PDB file of N, CA and C in Angstrom:
ATOM      1  N   MET A   1      19.848   6.324 -19.403  1.00  0.00           N
ATOM      2  CA  MET A   1      19.450   5.342 -18.734  1.00  0.00           C
ATOM      3  C   MET A   1      18.226   4.783 -18.511  1.00  0.00           C
ATOM      4  N   GLU A   2      18.123   3.190 -18.867  1.00  0.00           N
ATOM      5  CA  GLU A   2      16.759   2.535 -18.608  1.00  0.00           C
ATOM      6  C   GLU A   2      16.822   1.714 -17.360  1.00  0.00           C
ATOM      7  N   ILE A   3      15.773   2.087 -16.561  1.00  0.00           N
ATOM      8  CA  ILE A   3      15.435   1.180 -15.526  1.00  0.00           C
ATOM      9  C   ILE A   3      14.504   0.060 -15.810  1.00  0.00           C
ATOM     10  N   HIS A   4      14.735  -1.134 -15.647  1.00  0.00           N
ATOM     11  CA  HIS A   4      13.667  -2.527 -15.595  1.00  0.00           C
ATOM     12  C   HIS A   4      13.276  -2.881 -14.676  1.00  0.00           C
ATOM     13  N   VAL A   5      12.002  -2.686 -14.151  1.00  0.00           N
ATOM     14  CA  VAL A   5      11.454  -3.084 -12.885  1.00  0.00           C
ATOM     15  C   VAL A   5      10.840  -4.451 -13.126  1.00  0.00           C
ATOM     16  N   ILE A   6      11.221  -5.351 -11.921  1.00  0.00           N
ATOM     17  CA  ILE A   6      10.513  -6.654 -11.976  1.00  0.00           C
ATOM     18  C   ILE A   6       9.931  -6.967 -10.939  1.00  0.00           C
ATOM     19  N   THR A   7       9.231  -7.908 -10.517  1.00  0.00           N
ATOM     20  CA  THR A   7       8.563  -8.185  -9.171  1.00  0.00           C
ATOM     21  C   THR A   7       9.141  -9.742  -8.824  1.00  0.00           C
ATOM     22  N   LYS A   8       9.137  -9.658  -7.427  1.00  0.00           N
ATOM     23  CA  LYS A   8       9.582 -10.979  -6.913  1.00  0.00           C
ATOM     24  C   LYS A   8       8.616 -11.158  -5.773  1.00  0.00           C
ATOM     25  N   ASN A   9       8.081 -12.209  -5.391  1.00  0.00           N
ATOM     26  CA  ASN A   9       7.430 -12.807  -4.222  1.00  0.00           C
ATOM     27  C   ASN A   9       8.178 -13.377  -3.432  1.00  0.00           C
ATOM     28  N   VAL A  10       8.228 -12.348  -2.179  1.00  0.00           N
ATOM     29  CA  VAL A  10       8.999 -12.813  -0.739  1.00  0.00           C
ATOM     30  C   VAL A  10       7.826 -12.873   0.297  1.00  0.00           C
ATOM     31  N   TYR A  11       7.928 -14.016   0.715  1.00  0.00           N
ATOM     32  CA  TYR A  11       7.217 -14.590   1.758  1.00  0.00           C
ATOM     33  C   TYR A  11       5.739 -13.987   1.738  1.00  0.00           C
ATOM     34  N   GLY A  12       5.037 -14.325   0.366  1.00  0.00           N
ATOM     35  CA  GLY A  12       3.760 -14.012   0.083  1.00  0.00           C
ATOM     36  C   GLY A  12       3.471 -12.652  -0.474  1.00  0.00           C
ATOM     37  N   SER A  13       4.334 -11.642  -0.339  1.00  0.00           N
ATOM     38  CA  SER A  13       4.285 -10.404  -0.842  1.00  0.00           C
ATOM     39  C   SER A  13       4.743 -10.103  -2.219  1.00  0.00           C
ATOM     40  N   ASP A  14       4.499  -9.409  -3.236  1.00  0.00           N
ATOM     41  CA  ASP A  14       4.848  -9.270  -4.133  1.00  0.00           C
ATOM     42  C   ASP A  14       5.630  -7.780  -4.075  1.00  0.00           C
ATOM     43  N   LEU A  15       7.062  -7.738  -4.177  1.00  0.00           N
ATOM     44  CA  LEU A  15       7.566  -6.637  -4.092  1.00  0.00           C
ATOM     45  C   LEU A  15       8.126  -6.209  -5.582  1.00  0.00           C
ATOM     46  N   LEU A  16       8.511  -4.908  -5.794  1.00  0.00           N
ATOM     47  CA  LEU A  16       9.203  -4.359  -7.001  1.00  0.00           C
ATOM     48  C   LEU A  16      10.641  -4.199  -6.838  1.00  0.00           C
ATOM     49  N   TYR A  17      11.368  -4.717  -7.858  1.00  0.00           N
ATOM     50  CA  TYR A  17      12.956  -4.320  -7.729  1.00  0.00           C
ATOM     51  C   TYR A  17      13.260  -3.972  -9.021  1.00  0.00           C
ATOM     52  N   VAL A  18      14.489  -3.559  -9.214  1.00  0.00           N
ATOM     53  CA  VAL A  18      15.426  -3.145 -10.232  1.00  0.00           C
ATOM     54  C   VAL A  18      16.139  -4.382 -11.152  1.00  0.00           C
ATOM     55  N   LYS A  19      16.027  -4.583 -12.079  1.00  0.00           N
ATOM     56  CA  LYS A  19      16.570  -5.950 -12.788  1.00  0.00           C
ATOM     57  C   LYS A  19      18.033  -5.625 -12.794  1.00  0.00           C
ATOM     58  N   ASP A  20      18.676  -4.385 -12.905  1.00  0.00           N
ATOM     59  CA  ASP A  20      20.052  -4.346 -13.326  1.00  0.00           C
ATOM     60  C   ASP A  20      20.866  -4.070 -12.036  1.00  0.00           C
ATOM     61  N   PRO A  21      21.616  -5.092 -11.630  1.00  0.00           N
ATOM     62  CA  PRO A  21      22.451  -4.871 -10.384  1.00  0.00           C
ATOM     63  C   PRO A  21      23.043  -3.593 -10.150  1.00  0.00           C
ATOM     64  N   ASP A  22      23.658  -2.840 -11.059  1.00  0.00           N
ATOM     65  CA  ASP A  22      24.009  -1.715 -10.913  1.00  0.00           C
ATOM     66  C   ASP A  22      23.382  -0.475 -10.718  1.00  0.00           C
ATOM     67  N   ALA A  23      22.139  -0.540 -11.359  1.00  0.00           N
ATOM     68  CA  ALA A  23      21.176   0.475 -11.175  1.00  0.00           C
ATOM     69  C   ALA A  23      20.341   0.187  -9.770  1.00  0.00           C
ATOM     70  N   ALA A  24      20.113  -1.056  -9.489  1.00  0.00           N
ATOM     71  CA  ALA A  24      19.622  -1.165  -8.144  1.00  0.00           C
ATOM     72  C   ALA A  24      20.819  -0.631  -7.086  1.00  0.00           C
ATOM     73  N   SER A  25      21.974  -0.793  -7.133  1.00  0.00           N
ATOM     74  CA  SER A  25      22.632  -0.186  -6.113  1.00  0.00           C
ATOM     75  C   SER A  25      22.573   1.148  -6.149  1.00  0.00           C
ATOM     76  N   TYR A  26      22.616   1.925  -7.071  1.00  0.00           N
ATOM     77  CA  TYR A  26      22.405   3.311  -6.975  1.00  0.00           C
ATOM     78  C   TYR A  26      21.035   3.897  -6.632  1.00  0.00           C
ATOM     79  N   LEU A  27      20.223   3.110  -6.836  1.00  0.00           N
ATOM     80  CA  LEU A  27      18.711   3.527  -6.114  1.00  0.00           C
ATOM     81  C   LEU A  27      18.679   3.143  -4.760  1.00  0.00           C
ATOM     82  N   ARG A  28      19.395   1.892  -4.343  1.00  0.00           N
ATOM     83  CA  ARG A  28      19.657   1.604  -2.751  1.00  0.00           C
ATOM     84  C   ARG A  28      20.096   2.937  -2.211  1.00  0.00           C
ATOM     85  N   ARG A  29      21.175   3.237  -2.958  1.00  0.00           N
ATOM     86  CA  ARG A  29      21.950   4.247  -2.140  1.00  0.00           C
ATOM     87  C   ARG A  29      21.050   5.550  -2.017  1.00  0.00           C
ATOM     88  N   LEU A  30      20.620   5.772  -2.986  1.00  0.00           N
ATOM     89  CA  LEU A  30      19.537   6.869  -2.780  1.00  0.00           C
ATOM     90  C   LEU A  30      18.294   6.971  -2.073  1.00  0.00           C
ATOM     91  N   THR A  31      17.731   5.737  -2.143  1.00  0.00           N
ATOM     92  CA  THR A  31      16.464   5.502  -1.082  1.00  0.00           C
ATOM     93  C   THR A  31      16.620   4.848  -0.127  1.00  0.00           C
ATOM     94  N   GLY A  32      17.636   4.244   0.073  1.00  0.00           N
ATOM     95  CA  GLY A  32      18.003   3.493   1.351  1.00  0.00           C
ATOM     96  C   GLY A  32      17.114   2.241   1.622  1.00  0.00           C
ATOM     97  N   ARG A  33      16.420   1.938   0.020  1.00  0.00           N
ATOM     98  CA  ARG A  33      15.757   0.574   0.035  1.00  0.00           C
ATOM     99  C   ARG A  33      15.893  -0.207  -1.018  1.00  0.00           C
ATOM    100  N   LYS A  34      15.591  -1.413  -1.065  1.00  0.00           N
ATOM    101  CA  LYS A  34      16.000  -2.298  -1.855  1.00  0.00           C
ATOM    102  C   LYS A  34      14.850  -2.483  -3.096  1.00  0.00           C
ATOM    103  N   THR A  35      13.610  -1.969  -2.365  1.00  0.00           N
ATOM    104  CA  THR A  35      12.642  -2.238  -3.283  1.00  0.00           C
ATOM    105  C   THR A  35      11.938  -0.930  -3.577  1.00  0.00           C
ATOM    106  N   LEU A  36      11.122  -0.981  -4.805  1.00  0.00           N
ATOM    107  CA  LEU A  36      10.597   0.413  -5.224  1.00  0.00           C
ATOM    108  C   LEU A  36       9.037   0.493  -4.933  1.00  0.00           C
ATOM    109  N   ASN A  37       8.503   1.548  -4.918  1.00  0.00           N
ATOM    110  CA  ASN A  37       6.952   1.867  -4.945  1.00  0.00           C
ATOM    111  C   ASN A  37       6.449   2.650  -5.842  1.00  0.00           C
ATOM    112  N   ARG A  38       5.162   3.214  -6.126  1.00  0.00           N
ATOM    113  CA  ARG A  38       4.657   3.793  -7.144  1.00  0.00           C
ATOM    114  C   ARG A  38       5.428   5.141  -7.186  1.00  0.00           C
ATOM    115  N   TYR A  39       5.501   5.777  -6.138  1.00  0.00           N
ATOM    116  CA  TYR A  39       6.101   7.013  -6.036  1.00  0.00           C
ATOM    117  C   TYR A  39       7.751   7.120  -6.638  1.00  0.00           C
ATOM    118  N   ASP A  40       8.557   6.103  -6.502  1.00  0.00           N
ATOM    119  CA  ASP A  40       9.766   6.164  -6.602  1.00  0.00           C
ATOM    120  C   ASP A  40       9.740   6.036  -8.368  1.00  0.00           C
ATOM    121  N   ILE A  41       8.865   5.131  -8.938  1.00  0.00           N
ATOM    122  CA  ILE A  41       8.658   5.029 -10.447  1.00  0.00           C
ATOM    123  C   ILE A  41       8.096   6.226 -10.773  1.00  0.00           C
ATOM    124  N   TYR A  42       7.581   7.152 -10.346  1.00  0.00           N
ATOM    125  CA  TYR A  42       6.999   8.388 -10.695  1.00  0.00           C
ATOM    126  C   TYR A  42       8.100   9.473 -10.952  1.00  0.00           C
ATOM    127  N   ILE A  43       9.014   9.269  -9.641  1.00  0.00           N
ATOM    128  CA  ILE A  43      10.183  10.134  -9.788  1.00  0.00           C
ATOM    129  C   ILE A  43      11.186   9.911 -10.565  1.00  0.00           C
ATOM    130  N   LEU A  44      11.623   8.383 -11.054  1.00  0.00           N
ATOM    131  CA  LEU A  44      12.450   8.139 -12.024  1.00  0.00           C
ATOM    132  C   LEU A  44      11.916   8.756 -13.260  1.00  0.00           C
ATOM    133  N   ARG A  45      10.582   8.593 -13.627  1.00  0.00           N
ATOM    134  CA  ARG A  45      10.133   9.279 -14.774  1.00  0.00           C
ATOM    135  C   ARG A  45      10.319  10.585 -14.846  1.00  0.00           C
ATOM    136  N   ALA A  46      10.136  11.479 -13.924  1.00  0.00           N
ATOM    137  CA  ALA A  46      10.105  12.862 -13.780  1.00  0.00           C
ATOM    138  C   ALA A  46      11.735  13.339 -14.077  1.00  0.00           C
ATOM    139  N   LEU A  47      12.625  12.289 -13.432  1.00  0.00           N
ATOM    140  CA  LEU A  47      13.657  12.880 -13.721  1.00  0.00           C
ATOM    141  C   LEU A  47      14.400  12.611 -14.853  1.00  0.00           C
ATOM    142  N   GLY A  48      13.709  12.068 -16.045  1.00  0.00           N
ATOM    143  CA  GLY A  48      13.899  11.808 -17.336  1.00  0.00           C
ATOM    144  C   GLY A  48      14.590  10.376 -17.523  1.00  0.00           C
ATOM    145  N   LEU A  49      14.254   9.431 -16.709  1.00  0.00           N
ATOM    146  CA  LEU A  49      14.748   8.027 -17.119  1.00  0.00           C
ATOM    147  C   LEU A  49      13.805   7.421 -17.713  1.00  0.00           C
ATOM    148  N   LYS A  50      14.189   6.514 -18.423  1.00  0.00           N
ATOM    149  CA  LYS A  50      13.046   5.468 -18.856  1.00  0.00           C
ATOM    150  C   LYS A  50      12.963   4.299 -18.192  1.00  0.00           C
ATOM    151  N   VAL A  51      11.548   4.145 -17.800  1.00  0.00           N
ATOM    152  CA  VAL A  51      11.511   3.071 -16.773  1.00  0.00           C
ATOM    153  C   VAL A  51      10.310   2.160 -17.679  1.00  0.00           C
ATOM    154  N   THR A  52      10.912   0.707 -17.685  1.00  0.00           N
ATOM    155  CA  THR A  52      10.335  -0.482 -18.210  1.00  0.00           C
ATOM    156  C   THR A  52      10.014  -1.195 -17.179  1.00  0.00           C
ATOM    157  N   ILE A  53       8.623  -1.373 -17.231  1.00  0.00           N
ATOM    158  CA  ILE A  53       8.119  -2.465 -16.156  1.00  0.00           C
ATOM    159  C   ILE A  53       7.669  -3.847 -17.003  1.00  0.00           C
ATOM    160  N   SER A  54       7.891  -4.896 -16.081  1.00  0.00           N
ATOM    161  CA  SER A  54       7.469  -6.278 -16.695  1.00  0.00           C
ATOM    162  C   SER A  54       5.802  -6.183 -16.219  1.00  0.00           C
ATOM    163  N   TYR A  55       5.407  -7.186 -17.072  1.00  0.00           N
ATOM    164  CA  TYR A  55       3.787  -7.218 -17.108  1.00  0.00           C
ATOM    165  C   TYR A  55       3.589  -7.788 -15.700  1.00  0.00           C
ATOM    166  N   PRO A  56       4.291  -8.651 -14.973  1.00  0.00           N
ATOM    167  CA  PRO A  56       3.839  -9.156 -13.484  1.00  0.00           C
ATOM    168  C   PRO A  56       3.767  -8.019 -12.497  1.00  0.00           C
ATOM    169  N   ALA A  57       4.722  -7.146 -12.911  1.00  0.00           N
ATOM    170  CA  ALA A  57       5.031  -5.690 -11.714  1.00  0.00           C
ATOM    171  C   ALA A  57       3.888  -4.546 -12.204  1.00  0.00           C
ATOM    172  N   ILE A  58       3.442  -4.586 -13.571  1.00  0.00           N
ATOM    173  CA  ILE A  58       2.044  -3.943 -13.826  1.00  0.00           C
ATOM    174  C   ILE A  58       0.909  -4.334 -13.105  1.00  0.00           C
ATOM    175  N   GLU A  59       0.779  -5.472 -12.895  1.00  0.00           N
ATOM    176  CA  GLU A  59      -0.266  -6.318 -12.187  1.00  0.00           C
ATOM    177  C   GLU A  59      -0.242  -5.886 -10.867  1.00  0.00           C
ATOM    178  N   VAL A  60       0.959  -5.888 -10.197  1.00  0.00           N
ATOM    179  CA  VAL A  60       1.324  -5.604  -8.717  1.00  0.00           C
ATOM    180  C   VAL A  60       0.841  -4.386  -8.319  1.00  0.00           C
ATOM    181  N   LEU A  61       1.119  -3.336  -9.268  1.00  0.00           N
ATOM    182  CA  LEU A  61       0.894  -1.776  -9.249  1.00  0.00           C
ATOM    183  C   LEU A  61      -0.841  -1.596  -9.195  1.00  0.00           C
ATOM    184  N   GLY A  62      -1.361  -2.556 -10.409  1.00  0.00           N
ATOM    185  CA  GLY A  62      -2.639  -2.264 -10.218  1.00  0.00           C
ATOM    186  C   GLY A  62      -2.853  -1.499 -11.409  1.00  0.00           C
ATOM    187  N   TRP A  63      -1.975  -1.285 -12.339  1.00  0.00           N
ATOM    188  CA  TRP A  63      -2.051  -0.528 -13.718  1.00  0.00           C
ATOM    189  C   TRP A  63      -2.344  -1.543 -14.773  1.00  0.00           C
ATOM    190  N   THR A  64      -2.947  -0.647 -15.710  1.00  0.00           N
ATOM    191  CA  THR A  64      -3.275  -1.569 -17.190  1.00  0.00           C
ATOM    192  C   THR A  64      -1.825  -0.880 -17.806  1.00  0.00           C
ATOM    193  N   SER A  65      -1.432  -1.895 -18.888  1.00  0.00           N
ATOM    194  CA  SER A  65      -0.129  -1.502 -19.469  1.00  0.00           C
ATOM    195  C   SER A  65      -0.740  -0.384 -20.279  1.00  0.00           C
ATOM    196  N   GLY A  66      -1.711  -0.221 -21.111  1.00  0.00           N
ATOM    197  CA  GLY A  66      -1.830   0.930 -21.933  1.00  0.00           C
ATOM    198  C   GLY A  66      -2.149   2.103 -21.006  1.00  0.00           C
ATOM    199  N   ALA A  67      -2.493   2.078 -19.714  1.00  0.00           N
ATOM    200  CA  ALA A  67      -2.804   3.362 -18.917  1.00  0.00           C
ATOM    201  C   ALA A  67      -1.528   3.687 -18.400  1.00  0.00           C
ATOM    202  N   SER A  68      -0.765   2.829 -18.245  1.00  0.00           N
ATOM    203  CA  SER A  68       0.406   3.167 -17.491  1.00  0.00           C
ATOM    204  C   SER A  68       1.367   3.986 -18.261  1.00  0.00           C
ATOM    205  N   GLY A  69       1.511   3.460 -19.760  1.00  0.00           N
ATOM    206  CA  GLY A  69       2.471   3.987 -20.756  1.00  0.00           C
ATOM    207  C   GLY A  69       3.830   3.540 -20.194  1.00  0.00           C
ATOM    208  N   LEU A  70       4.034   2.581 -19.595  1.00  0.00           N
ATOM    209  CA  LEU A  70       5.476   2.045 -19.116  1.00  0.00           C
ATOM    210  C   LEU A  70       5.736   0.687 -19.504  1.00  0.00           C
ATOM    211  N   ALA A  71       4.889  -0.183 -19.891  1.00  0.00           N
ATOM    212  CA  ALA A  71       5.329  -1.381 -20.240  1.00  0.00           C
ATOM    213  C   ALA A  71       5.538  -1.434 -21.836  1.00  0.00           C
ATOM    214  N   GLU A  72       6.646  -2.162 -22.183  1.00  0.00           N
ATOM    215  CA  GLU A  72       7.028  -2.457 -23.545  1.00  0.00           C
ATOM    216  C   GLU A  72       7.188  -4.070 -23.611  1.00  0.00           C
TER     217      GLU A  72
END
Protein backbone atom coordinates (compact mmCIF):
# COMPACT_ATOMS: atom_id res chain seq x y z
CA MET A 1 0.00 0.00 0.00
CA GLU A 2 1.18 3.49 -0.79
CA ILE A 3 0.20 6.47 1.36
CA HIS A 4 0.17 9.93 -0.26
CA VAL A 5 0.49 12.75 2.27
CA ILE A 6 -0.76 16.23 1.36
CA THR A 7 -1.16 19.48 3.26
CA LYS A 8 -4.21 21.68 3.70
CA ASN A 9 -4.37 25.11 5.27
CA VAL A 10 -7.10 25.11 7.91
CA TYR A 11 -7.72 28.40 9.72
CA GLY A 12 -4.13 29.48 9.12
CA SER A 13 -2.52 26.19 10.18
CA ASP A 14 -0.96 23.79 7.68
CA LEU A 15 -2.12 20.26 8.51
CA LEU A 16 -1.07 16.93 7.00
CA TYR A 17 -3.70 14.62 5.54
CA VAL A 18 -3.79 11.35 3.61
CA LYS A 19 -4.94 11.93 0.03
CA ASP A 20 -6.75 8.60 -0.55
CA PRO A 21 -10.11 8.55 1.29
CA ASP A 22 -9.96 4.79 1.95
CA ALA A 23 -6.45 4.93 3.42
CA ALA A 24 -7.42 8.03 5.40
CA SER A 25 -10.38 6.15 6.85
CA TYR A 26 -8.16 3.28 8.03
CA LEU A 27 -5.65 5.67 9.59
CA ARG A 28 -8.45 7.63 11.26
CA ARG A 29 -9.73 4.42 12.86
CA LEU A 30 -6.21 3.51 13.96
CA THR A 31 -5.12 6.88 15.37
CA GLY A 32 -8.45 8.55 16.17
CA ARG A 33 -7.30 11.65 14.25
CA LYS A 34 -7.84 12.98 10.74
CA THR A 35 -4.37 14.55 10.54
CA LEU A 36 -0.88 13.05 10.58
CA ASN A 37 2.27 14.14 12.34
CA ARG A 38 5.97 13.31 11.96
CA TYR A 39 5.72 10.33 14.28
CA ASP A 40 2.80 8.85 12.30
CA ILE A 41 4.83 9.07 9.09
CA TYR A 42 7.80 7.42 10.81
CA ILE A 43 5.60 4.56 12.06
CA LEU A 44 3.98 4.04 8.66
CA ARG A 45 7.43 3.69 7.10
CA ALA A 46 8.53 1.35 9.90
CA LEU A 47 5.51 -0.85 9.10
CA GLY A 48 6.80 -1.16 5.54
CA LEU A 49 4.32 1.14 3.82
CA LYS A 50 5.51 3.42 1.07
CA VAL A 51 4.89 7.02 2.08
CA THR A 52 4.95 9.72 -0.62
CA ILE A 53 4.86 13.27 0.65
CA SER A 54 3.89 16.25 -1.51
CA TYR A 55 6.41 19.07 -1.72
CA PRO A 56 4.23 21.53 0.27
CA ALA A 57 3.87 18.90 3.02
CA ILE A 58 7.65 18.47 3.11
CA GLU A 59 7.97 22.20 3.69
CA VAL A 60 5.42 22.01 6.54
CA LEU A 61 7.46 19.24 8.14
CA GLY A 62 10.62 21.32 7.72
CA TRP A 63 12.38 18.55 5.80
CA THR A 64 14.35 18.81 2.59
CA SER A 65 13.24 16.42 -0.14
CA GLY A 66 16.72 14.89 -0.42
CA ALA A 67 17.21 14.44 3.31
CA SER A 68 13.77 12.97 3.94
CA GLY A 69 13.95 10.32 1.23
CA LEU A 70 10.17 10.51 1.10
CA ALA A 71 9.31 12.76 -1.82
CA GLU A 72 8.91 11.62 -5.37
